[in-house]
PDB file of all heavy atoms in Angstrom:
ATOM      1  N   ALA A   1      -5.563   1.569  13.110  1.00  0.00           N
ATOM      2  CA  ALA A   1      -4.222   1.248  12.621  1.00  0.00           C
ATOM      3  C   ALA A   1      -3.349   2.501  12.540  1.00  0.00           C
ATOM      4  O   ALA A   1      -2.123   2.401  12.467  1.00  0.00           O
ATOM      5  CB  ALA A   1      -4.319   0.587  11.246  1.00  0.00           C
ATOM      6  N   TYR A   2      -3.963   3.678  12.571  1.00  0.00           N
ATOM      7  CA  TYR A   2      -3.223   4.936  12.478  1.00  0.00           C
ATOM      8  C   TYR A   2      -2.924   5.561  13.842  1.00  0.00           C
ATOM      9  O   TYR A   2      -2.359   6.649  13.912  1.00  0.00           O
ATOM     10  CB  TYR A   2      -4.011   5.938  11.619  1.00  0.00           C
ATOM     11  CG  TYR A   2      -4.186   5.469  10.210  1.00  0.00           C
ATOM     12  CD1 TYR A   2      -5.391   4.919   9.788  1.00  0.00           C
ATOM     13  CD2 TYR A   2      -3.150   5.554   9.292  1.00  0.00           C
ATOM     14  CE1 TYR A   2      -5.562   4.468   8.482  1.00  0.00           C
ATOM     15  CE2 TYR A   2      -3.307   5.110   7.988  1.00  0.00           C
ATOM     16  CZ  TYR A   2      -4.512   4.574   7.596  1.00  0.00           C
ATOM     17  OH  TYR A   2      -4.671   4.128   6.311  1.00  0.00           O
ATOM     18  N   LYS A   3      -3.289   4.890  14.933  1.00  0.00           N
ATOM     19  CA  LYS A   3      -3.071   5.442  16.269  1.00  0.00           C
ATOM     20  C   LYS A   3      -1.608   5.814  16.499  1.00  0.00           C
ATOM     21  O   LYS A   3      -1.308   6.900  16.988  1.00  0.00           O
ATOM     22  CB  LYS A   3      -3.499   4.450  17.346  1.00  0.00           C
ATOM     23  CG  LYS A   3      -4.940   4.454  17.662  1.00  0.00           C
ATOM     24  CD  LYS A   3      -5.185   3.515  18.831  1.00  0.00           C
ATOM     25  CE  LYS A   3      -6.641   3.275  19.033  1.00  0.00           C
ATOM     26  NZ  LYS A   3      -6.898   2.354  20.147  1.00  0.00           N
ATOM     27  N   ALA A   4      -0.711   4.909  16.182  1.00  0.00           N
ATOM     28  CA  ALA A   4       0.718   5.166  16.426  1.00  0.00           C
ATOM     29  C   ALA A   4       1.197   6.385  15.651  1.00  0.00           C
ATOM     30  O   ALA A   4       1.965   7.202  16.187  1.00  0.00           O
ATOM     31  CB  ALA A   4       1.545   3.933  16.060  1.00  0.00           C
ATOM     32  N   ASP A   5       0.751   6.529  14.415  1.00  0.00           N
ATOM     33  CA  ASP A   5       1.145   7.699  13.609  1.00  0.00           C
ATOM     34  C   ASP A   5       0.598   8.997  14.210  1.00  0.00           C
ATOM     35  O   ASP A   5       1.306  10.002  14.282  1.00  0.00           O
ATOM     36  CB  ASP A   5       0.643   7.557  12.168  1.00  0.00           C
ATOM     37  CG  ASP A   5       1.324   6.425  11.421  1.00  0.00           C
ATOM     38  OD1 ASP A   5       2.464   6.075  11.785  1.00  0.00           O
ATOM     39  OD2 ASP A   5       0.715   5.908  10.469  1.00  0.00           O
ATOM     40  N   ILE A   6      -0.652   8.967  14.639  1.00  0.00           N
ATOM     41  CA  ILE A   6      -1.271  10.150  15.240  1.00  0.00           C
ATOM     42  C   ILE A   6      -0.532  10.525  16.519  1.00  0.00           C
ATOM     43  O   ILE A   6      -0.211  11.697  16.756  1.00  0.00           O
ATOM     44  CB  ILE A   6      -2.765   9.894  15.522  1.00  0.00           C
ATOM     45  CG1 ILE A   6      -3.532   9.707  14.207  1.00  0.00           C
ATOM     46  CG2 ILE A   6      -3.367  11.016  16.361  1.00  0.00           C
ATOM     47  CD1 ILE A   6      -4.939   9.169  14.384  1.00  0.00           C
ATOM     48  N   GLN A   7      -0.238   9.530  17.334  1.00  0.00           N
ATOM     49  CA  GLN A   7       0.448   9.787  18.594  1.00  0.00           C
ATOM     50  C   GLN A   7       1.861  10.322  18.360  1.00  0.00           C
ATOM     51  O   GLN A   7       2.315  11.228  19.058  1.00  0.00           O
ATOM     52  CB  GLN A   7       0.467   8.517  19.442  1.00  0.00           C
ATOM     53  CG  GLN A   7      -0.926   8.134  19.899  1.00  0.00           C
ATOM     54  CD  GLN A   7      -1.017   6.754  20.508  1.00  0.00           C
ATOM     55  OE1 GLN A   7      -0.113   5.926  20.377  1.00  0.00           O
ATOM     56  NE2 GLN A   7      -2.114   6.483  21.190  1.00  0.00           N
ATOM     57  N   GLN A   8       2.539   9.806  17.363  1.00  0.00           N
ATOM     58  CA  GLN A   8       3.895  10.270  17.039  1.00  0.00           C
ATOM     59  C   GLN A   8       3.865  11.719  16.538  1.00  0.00           C
ATOM     60  O   GLN A   8       4.694  12.531  16.939  1.00  0.00           O
ATOM     61  CB  GLN A   8       4.539   9.361  15.991  1.00  0.00           C
ATOM     62  CG  GLN A   8       5.931   9.790  15.577  1.00  0.00           C
ATOM     63  CD  GLN A   8       6.925   9.771  16.728  1.00  0.00           C
ATOM     64  OE1 GLN A   8       6.833   8.949  17.638  1.00  0.00           O
ATOM     65  NE2 GLN A   8       7.870  10.694  16.712  1.00  0.00           N
ATOM     66  N   LYS A   9       2.930  12.046  15.665  1.00  0.00           N
ATOM     67  CA  LYS A   9       2.809  13.420  15.152  1.00  0.00           C
ATOM     68  C   LYS A   9       2.490  14.400  16.287  1.00  0.00           C
ATOM     69  O   LYS A   9       3.013  15.520  16.312  1.00  0.00           O
ATOM     70  CB  LYS A   9       1.747  13.517  14.063  1.00  0.00           C
ATOM     71  CG  LYS A   9       2.102  12.772  12.797  1.00  0.00           C
ATOM     72  CD  LYS A   9       3.298  13.397  12.119  1.00  0.00           C
ATOM     73  CE  LYS A   9       3.586  12.678  10.812  1.00  0.00           C
ATOM     74  NZ  LYS A   9       4.806  13.133  10.181  1.00  0.00           N
ATOM     75  N   ALA A  10       1.634  13.989  17.225  1.00  0.00           N
ATOM     76  CA  ALA A  10       1.316  14.847  18.367  1.00  0.00           C
ATOM     77  C   ALA A  10       2.552  15.061  19.227  1.00  0.00           C
ATOM     78  O   ALA A  10       2.813  16.172  19.698  1.00  0.00           O
ATOM     79  CB  ALA A  10       0.194  14.231  19.200  1.00  0.00           C
ATOM     80  N   ARG A  11       3.339  14.024  19.409  1.00  0.00           N
ATOM     81  CA  ARG A  11       4.585  14.122  20.188  1.00  0.00           C
ATOM     82  C   ARG A  11       5.570  15.075  19.506  1.00  0.00           C
ATOM     83  O   ARG A  11       6.199  15.908  20.164  1.00  0.00           O
ATOM     84  CB  ARG A  11       5.212  12.734  20.357  1.00  0.00           C
ATOM     85  CG  ARG A  11       6.536  12.727  21.053  1.00  0.00           C
ATOM     86  CD  ARG A  11       6.340  12.822  22.532  1.00  0.00           C
ATOM     87  NE  ARG A  11       7.632  12.737  23.193  1.00  0.00           N
ATOM     88  CZ  ARG A  11       7.865  13.278  24.354  1.00  0.00           C
ATOM     89  NH1 ARG A  11       6.917  13.902  24.994  1.00  0.00           N
ATOM     90  NH2 ARG A  11       9.036  13.186  24.908  1.00  0.00           N
ATOM     91  N   GLU A  12       5.702  14.953  18.191  1.00  0.00           N
ATOM     92  CA  GLU A  12       6.609  15.831  17.437  1.00  0.00           C
ATOM     93  C   GLU A  12       6.148  17.290  17.495  1.00  0.00           C
ATOM     94  O   GLU A  12       6.964  18.197  17.593  1.00  0.00           O
ATOM     95  CB  GLU A  12       6.691  15.375  15.979  1.00  0.00           C
ATOM     96  CG  GLU A  12       7.418  14.072  15.777  1.00  0.00           C
ATOM     97  CD  GLU A  12       7.304  13.533  14.359  1.00  0.00           C
ATOM     98  OE1 GLU A  12       6.772  14.244  13.478  1.00  0.00           O
ATOM     99  OE2 GLU A  12       7.750  12.394  14.135  1.00  0.00           O
ATOM    100  N   ALA A  13       4.853  17.516  17.449  1.00  0.00           N
ATOM    101  CA  ALA A  13       4.320  18.880  17.416  1.00  0.00           C
ATOM    102  C   ALA A  13       4.324  19.556  18.784  1.00  0.00           C
ATOM    103  O   ALA A  13       4.489  20.772  18.870  1.00  0.00           O
ATOM    104  CB  ALA A  13       2.902  18.877  16.850  1.00  0.00           C
ATOM    105  N   THR A  14       4.139  18.775  19.859  1.00  0.00           N
ATOM    106  CA  THR A  14       3.962  19.378  21.175  1.00  0.00           C
ATOM    107  C   THR A  14       5.040  19.012  22.186  1.00  0.00           C
ATOM    108  O   THR A  14       5.166  19.678  23.206  1.00  0.00           O
ATOM    109  CB  THR A  14       2.604  18.962  21.782  1.00  0.00           C
ATOM    110  OG1 THR A  14       2.619  17.546  22.019  1.00  0.00           O
ATOM    111  CG2 THR A  14       1.455  19.336  20.867  1.00  0.00           C
ATOM    112  N   GLY A  15       5.760  17.929  21.933  1.00  0.00           N
ATOM    113  CA  GLY A  15       6.724  17.446  22.917  1.00  0.00           C
ATOM    114  C   GLY A  15       6.074  16.674  24.043  1.00  0.00           C
ATOM    115  O   GLY A  15       6.719  16.326  25.024  1.00  0.00           O
ATOM    116  N   ARG A  16       4.787  16.398  23.922  1.00  0.00           N
ATOM    117  CA  ARG A  16       4.039  15.664  24.950  1.00  0.00           C
ATOM    118  C   ARG A  16       3.402  14.422  24.339  1.00  0.00           C
ATOM    119  O   ARG A  16       3.138  14.362  23.150  1.00  0.00           O
ATOM    120  CB  ARG A  16       2.947  16.541  25.553  1.00  0.00           C
ATOM    121  CG  ARG A  16       3.479  17.791  26.208  1.00  0.00           C
ATOM    122  CD  ARG A  16       2.344  18.576  26.793  1.00  0.00           C
ATOM    123  NE  ARG A  16       2.781  19.898  27.197  1.00  0.00           N
ATOM    124  CZ  ARG A  16       2.033  20.734  27.873  1.00  0.00           C
ATOM    125  NH1 ARG A  16       0.805  20.391  28.212  1.00  0.00           N
ATOM    126  NH2 ARG A  16       2.480  21.908  28.215  1.00  0.00           N
ATOM    127  N   ASP A  17       3.125  13.470  25.210  1.00  0.00           N
ATOM    128  CA  ASP A  17       2.525  12.225  24.748  1.00  0.00           C
ATOM    129  C   ASP A  17       1.013  12.342  24.643  1.00  0.00           C
ATOM    130  O   ASP A  17       0.353  12.905  25.524  1.00  0.00           O
ATOM    131  CB  ASP A  17       2.868  11.071  25.698  1.00  0.00           C
ATOM    132  CG  ASP A  17       4.331  10.687  25.629  1.00  0.00           C
ATOM    133  OD1 ASP A  17       4.929  10.816  24.542  1.00  0.00           O
ATOM    134  OD2 ASP A  17       4.879  10.267  26.661  1.00  0.00           O
ATOM    135  N   LEU A  18       0.482  11.805  23.574  1.00  0.00           N
ATOM    136  CA  LEU A  18      -0.957  11.665  23.368  1.00  0.00           C
ATOM    137  C   LEU A  18      -1.248  10.177  23.355  1.00  0.00           C
ATOM    138  O   LEU A  18      -0.574   9.418  22.665  1.00  0.00           O
ATOM    139  CB  LEU A  18      -1.377  12.284  22.025  1.00  0.00           C
ATOM    140  CG  LEU A  18      -2.828  12.065  21.614  1.00  0.00           C
ATOM    141  CD1 LEU A  18      -3.765  12.902  22.485  1.00  0.00           C
ATOM    142  CD2 LEU A  18      -3.032  12.412  20.149  1.00  0.00           C
ATOM    143  N   VAL A  19      -2.231   9.757  24.141  1.00  0.00           N
ATOM    144  CA  VAL A  19      -2.611   8.346  24.197  1.00  0.00           C
ATOM    145  C   VAL A  19      -4.079   8.230  23.832  1.00  0.00           C
ATOM    146  O   VAL A  19      -4.920   8.961  24.351  1.00  0.00           O
ATOM    147  CB  VAL A  19      -2.362   7.759  25.606  1.00  0.00           C
ATOM    148  CG1 VAL A  19      -2.826   6.314  25.679  1.00  0.00           C
ATOM    149  CG2 VAL A  19      -0.897   7.879  25.983  1.00  0.00           C
ATOM    150  N   ILE A  20      -4.379   7.315  22.917  1.00  0.00           N
ATOM    151  CA  ILE A  20      -5.765   7.030  22.537  1.00  0.00           C
ATOM    152  C   ILE A  20      -6.020   5.574  22.913  1.00  0.00           C
ATOM    153  O   ILE A  20      -5.555   4.660  22.245  1.00  0.00           O
ATOM    154  CB  ILE A  20      -6.000   7.262  21.031  1.00  0.00           C
ATOM    155  CG1 ILE A  20      -5.611   8.691  20.656  1.00  0.00           C
ATOM    156  CG2 ILE A  20      -7.451   6.973  20.669  1.00  0.00           C
ATOM    157  CD1 ILE A  20      -5.569   8.958  19.172  1.00  0.00           C
ATOM    158  N   ASP A  21      -6.732   5.376  24.033  1.00  0.00           N
ATOM    159  CA  ASP A  21      -6.984   4.026  24.533  1.00  0.00           C
ATOM    160  C   ASP A  21      -8.127   3.330  23.812  1.00  0.00           C
ATOM    161  O   ASP A  21      -8.150   2.112  23.704  1.00  0.00           O
ATOM    162  CB  ASP A  21      -7.305   4.058  26.031  1.00  0.00           C
ATOM    163  CG  ASP A  21      -6.088   4.432  26.872  1.00  0.00           C
ATOM    164  OD1 ASP A  21      -4.968   4.033  26.507  1.00  0.00           O
ATOM    165  OD2 ASP A  21      -6.265   5.133  27.880  1.00  0.00           O
ATOM    166  N   GLY A  22      -9.085   4.105  23.315  1.00  0.00           N
ATOM    167  CA  GLY A  22     -10.279   3.526  22.691  1.00  0.00           C
ATOM    168  C   GLY A  22     -10.194   3.513  21.180  1.00  0.00           C
ATOM    169  O   GLY A  22      -9.115   3.628  20.587  1.00  0.00           O
ATOM    170  N   ASN A  23     -11.346   3.405  20.567  1.00  0.00           N
ATOM    171  CA  ASN A  23     -11.447   3.317  19.114  1.00  0.00           C
ATOM    172  C   ASN A  23     -11.464   4.692  18.454  1.00  0.00           C
ATOM    173  O   ASN A  23     -11.931   5.671  19.031  1.00  0.00           O
ATOM    174  CB  ASN A  23     -12.721   2.570  18.709  1.00  0.00           C
ATOM    175  CG  ASN A  23     -12.633   1.102  19.031  1.00  0.00           C
ATOM    176  OD1 ASN A  23     -11.575   0.502  18.923  1.00  0.00           O
ATOM    177  ND2 ASN A  23     -13.735   0.525  19.447  1.00  0.00           N
ATOM    178  N   ILE A  24     -10.983   4.731  17.224  1.00  0.00           N
ATOM    179  CA  ILE A  24     -11.069   5.909  16.371  1.00  0.00           C
ATOM    180  C   ILE A  24     -12.067   5.571  15.271  1.00  0.00           C
ATOM    181  O   ILE A  24     -11.972   4.514  14.653  1.00  0.00           O
ATOM    182  CB  ILE A  24      -9.705   6.256  15.746  1.00  0.00           C
ATOM    183  CG1 ILE A  24      -8.692   6.558  16.843  1.00  0.00           C
ATOM    184  CG2 ILE A  24      -9.845   7.428  14.784  1.00  0.00           C
ATOM    185  CD1 ILE A  24      -7.283   6.745  16.311  1.00  0.00           C
ATOM    186  N   LYS A  25     -13.027   6.470  15.051  1.00  0.00           N
ATOM    187  CA  LYS A  25     -14.049   6.238  14.035  1.00  0.00           C
ATOM    188  C   LYS A  25     -14.202   7.465  13.154  1.00  0.00           C
ATOM    189  O   LYS A  25     -13.980   8.585  13.588  1.00  0.00           O
ATOM    190  CB  LYS A  25     -15.395   5.933  14.699  1.00  0.00           C
ATOM    191  CG  LYS A  25     -15.399   4.688  15.549  1.00  0.00           C
ATOM    192  CD  LYS A  25     -16.731   4.508  16.226  1.00  0.00           C
ATOM    193  CE  LYS A  25     -16.682   3.338  17.189  1.00  0.00           C
ATOM    194  NZ  LYS A  25     -17.890   3.257  18.009  1.00  0.00           N
ATOM    195  N   LEU A  26     -14.607   7.239  11.916  1.00  0.00           N
ATOM    196  CA  LEU A  26     -14.872   8.318  10.982  1.00  0.00           C
ATOM    197  C   LEU A  26     -16.263   8.121  10.396  1.00  0.00           C
ATOM    198  O   LEU A  26     -16.635   7.006  10.032  1.00  0.00           O
ATOM    199  CB  LEU A  26     -13.842   8.313   9.838  1.00  0.00           C
ATOM    200  CG  LEU A  26     -14.083   9.333   8.730  1.00  0.00           C
ATOM    201  CD1 LEU A  26     -13.765  10.732   9.225  1.00  0.00           C
ATOM    202  CD2 LEU A  26     -13.247   9.004   7.516  1.00  0.00           C
ATOM    203  N   SER A  27     -17.008   9.209  10.336  1.00  0.00           N
ATOM    204  CA  SER A  27     -18.288   9.178   9.639  1.00  0.00           C
ATOM    205  C   SER A  27     -18.290  10.328   8.643  1.00  0.00           C
ATOM    206  O   SER A  27     -17.683  11.365   8.878  1.00  0.00           O
ATOM    207  CB  SER A  27     -19.466   9.286  10.611  1.00  0.00           C
ATOM    208  OG  SER A  27     -19.423  10.509  11.305  1.00  0.00           O
ATOM    209  N   ILE A  28     -18.947  10.141   7.536  1.00  0.00           N
ATOM    210  CA  ILE A  28     -18.962  11.134   6.471  1.00  0.00           C
ATOM    211  C   ILE A  28     -20.235  11.972   6.493  1.00  0.00           C
ATOM    212  O   ILE A  28     -20.195  13.168   6.285  1.00  0.00           O
ATOM    213  CB  ILE A  28     -18.817  10.440   5.092  1.00  0.00           C
ATOM    214  CG1 ILE A  28     -17.521   9.646   5.023  1.00  0.00           C
ATOM    215  CG2 ILE A  28     -18.901  11.450   3.964  1.00  0.00           C
ATOM    216  CD1 ILE A  28     -16.261  10.479   5.117  1.00  0.00           C
ATOM    217  N   LEU A  29     -21.367  11.318   6.735  1.00  0.00           N
ATOM    218  CA  LEU A  29     -22.647  12.021   6.682  1.00  0.00           C
ATOM    219  C   LEU A  29     -23.253  12.131   8.061  1.00  0.00           C
ATOM    220  O   LEU A  29     -23.104  11.223   8.870  1.00  0.00           O
ATOM    221  CB  LEU A  29     -23.600  11.283   5.741  1.00  0.00           C
ATOM    222  CG  LEU A  29     -23.154  11.244   4.287  1.00  0.00           C
ATOM    223  CD1 LEU A  29     -24.085  10.341   3.488  1.00  0.00           C
ATOM    224  CD2 LEU A  29     -23.111  12.624   3.685  1.00  0.00           C
ATOM    225  N   PRO A  30     -23.921  13.195   8.398  1.00  0.00           N
ATOM    226  CA  PRO A  30     -24.288  14.338   7.566  1.00  0.00           C
ATOM    227  C   PRO A  30     -23.129  15.297   7.320  1.00  0.00           C
ATOM    228  O   PRO A  30     -23.147  16.059   6.362  1.00  0.00           O
ATOM    229  CB  PRO A  30     -25.404  15.010   8.360  1.00  0.00           C
ATOM    230  CG  PRO A  30     -25.135  14.651   9.777  1.00  0.00           C
ATOM    231  CD  PRO A  30     -24.485  13.295   9.741  1.00  0.00           C
ATOM    232  N   SER A  31     -22.121  15.270   8.188  1.00  0.00           N
ATOM    233  CA  SER A  31     -20.905  16.040   7.937  1.00  0.00           C
ATOM    234  C   SER A  31     -19.729  15.184   8.401  1.00  0.00           C
ATOM    235  O   SER A  31     -19.881  14.350   9.289  1.00  0.00           O
ATOM    236  CB  SER A  31     -20.926  17.380   8.690  1.00  0.00           C
ATOM    237  OG  SER A  31     -20.873  17.160  10.081  1.00  0.00           O
ATOM    238  N   PRO A  32     -18.563  15.358   7.797  1.00  0.00           N
ATOM    239  CA  PRO A  32     -17.404  14.540   8.193  1.00  0.00           C
ATOM    240  C   PRO A  32     -17.084  14.746   9.676  1.00  0.00           C
ATOM    241  O   PRO A  32     -17.008  15.881  10.154  1.00  0.00           O
ATOM    242  CB  PRO A  32     -16.285  15.074   7.307  1.00  0.00           C
ATOM    243  CG  PRO A  32     -16.968  15.691   6.145  1.00  0.00           C
ATOM    244  CD  PRO A  32     -18.253  16.250   6.693  1.00  0.00           C
ATOM    245  N   GLN A  33     -16.949  13.630  10.384  1.00  0.00           N
ATOM    246  CA  GLN A  33     -16.696  13.697  11.818  1.00  0.00           C
ATOM    247  C   GLN A  33     -15.743  12.581  12.222  1.00  0.00           C
ATOM    248  O   GLN A  33     -15.927  11.421  11.851  1.00  0.00           O
ATOM    249  CB  GLN A  33     -18.011  13.554  12.584  1.00  0.00           C
ATOM    250  CG  GLN A  33     -17.877  13.722  14.072  1.00  0.00           C
ATOM    251  CD  GLN A  33     -19.215  13.623  14.757  1.00  0.00           C
ATOM    252  OE1 GLN A  33     -19.730  12.527  14.936  1.00  0.00           O
ATOM    253  NE2 GLN A  33     -19.777  14.763  15.131  1.00  0.00           N
ATOM    254  N   LEU A  34     -14.727  12.947  12.968  1.00  0.00           N
ATOM    255  CA  LEU A  34     -13.761  11.989  13.504  1.00  0.00           C
ATOM    256  C   LEU A  34     -13.992  11.919  15.001  1.00  0.00           C
ATOM    257  O   LEU A  34     -14.138  12.954  15.662  1.00  0.00           O
ATOM    258  CB  LEU A  34     -12.330  12.454  13.217  1.00  0.00           C
ATOM    259  CG  LEU A  34     -11.225  11.540  13.714  1.00  0.00           C
ATOM    260  CD1 LEU A  34     -11.173  10.283  12.849  1.00  0.00           C
ATOM    261  CD2 LEU A  34      -9.893  12.252  13.674  1.00  0.00           C
ATOM    262  N   SER A  35     -14.049  10.707  15.540  1.00  0.00           N
ATOM    263  CA  SER A  35     -14.227  10.562  16.984  1.00  0.00           C
ATOM    264  C   SER A  35     -13.200   9.580  17.525  1.00  0.00           C
ATOM    265  O   SER A  35     -12.760   8.668  16.833  1.00  0.00           O
ATOM    266  CB  SER A  35     -15.646  10.093  17.310  1.00  0.00           C
ATOM    267  OG  SER A  35     -15.883   8.812  16.753  1.00  0.00           O
ATOM    268  N   ALA A  36     -12.816   9.822  18.763  1.00  0.00           N
ATOM    269  CA  ALA A  36     -11.862   8.949  19.447  1.00  0.00           C
ATOM    270  C   ALA A  36     -12.315   8.809  20.895  1.00  0.00           C
ATOM    271  O   ALA A  36     -12.849   9.750  21.485  1.00  0.00           O
ATOM    272  CB  ALA A  36     -10.459   9.536  19.383  1.00  0.00           C
ATOM    273  N   GLU A  37     -12.091   7.633  21.460  1.00  0.00           N
ATOM    274  CA  GLU A  37     -12.493   7.359  22.836  1.00  0.00           C
ATOM    275  C   GLU A  37     -11.248   7.138  23.694  1.00  0.00           C
ATOM    276  O   GLU A  37     -10.235   6.621  23.218  1.00  0.00           O
ATOM    277  CB  GLU A  37     -13.377   6.118  22.879  1.00  0.00           C
ATOM    278  CG  GLU A  37     -14.669   6.270  22.096  1.00  0.00           C
ATOM    279  CD  GLU A  37     -15.448   4.973  22.004  1.00  0.00           C
ATOM    280  OE1 GLU A  37     -14.910   3.916  22.378  1.00  0.00           O
ATOM    281  OE2 GLU A  37     -16.592   5.027  21.532  1.00  0.00           O
ATOM    282  N   GLY A  38     -11.344   7.539  24.952  1.00  0.00           N
ATOM    283  CA  GLY A  38     -10.246   7.309  25.884  1.00  0.00           C
ATOM    284  C   GLY A  38      -8.987   8.068  25.508  1.00  0.00           C
ATOM    285  O   GLY A  38      -7.931   7.468  25.344  1.00  0.00           O
ATOM    286  N   VAL A  39      -9.089   9.379  25.397  1.00  0.00           N
ATOM    287  CA  VAL A  39      -7.961  10.204  24.962  1.00  0.00           C
ATOM    288  C   VAL A  39      -7.306  10.845  26.184  1.00  0.00           C
ATOM    289  O   VAL A  39      -7.989  11.397  27.057  1.00  0.00           O
ATOM    290  CB  VAL A  39      -8.427  11.306  23.982  1.00  0.00           C
ATOM    291  CG1 VAL A  39      -7.276  12.188  23.566  1.00  0.00           C
ATOM    292  CG2 VAL A  39      -9.106  10.677  22.777  1.00  0.00           C
TER     293      VAL A  39
END
């Protein structure tokens, strides 16, 4: 649900488009990790 926000922030910061076609996942253990597919 946060894809659009992430893509907008990347556009504002770089002037380029970021597209995330796949899923975004977060895991906490054993260490916090964010993953995205199709970037």
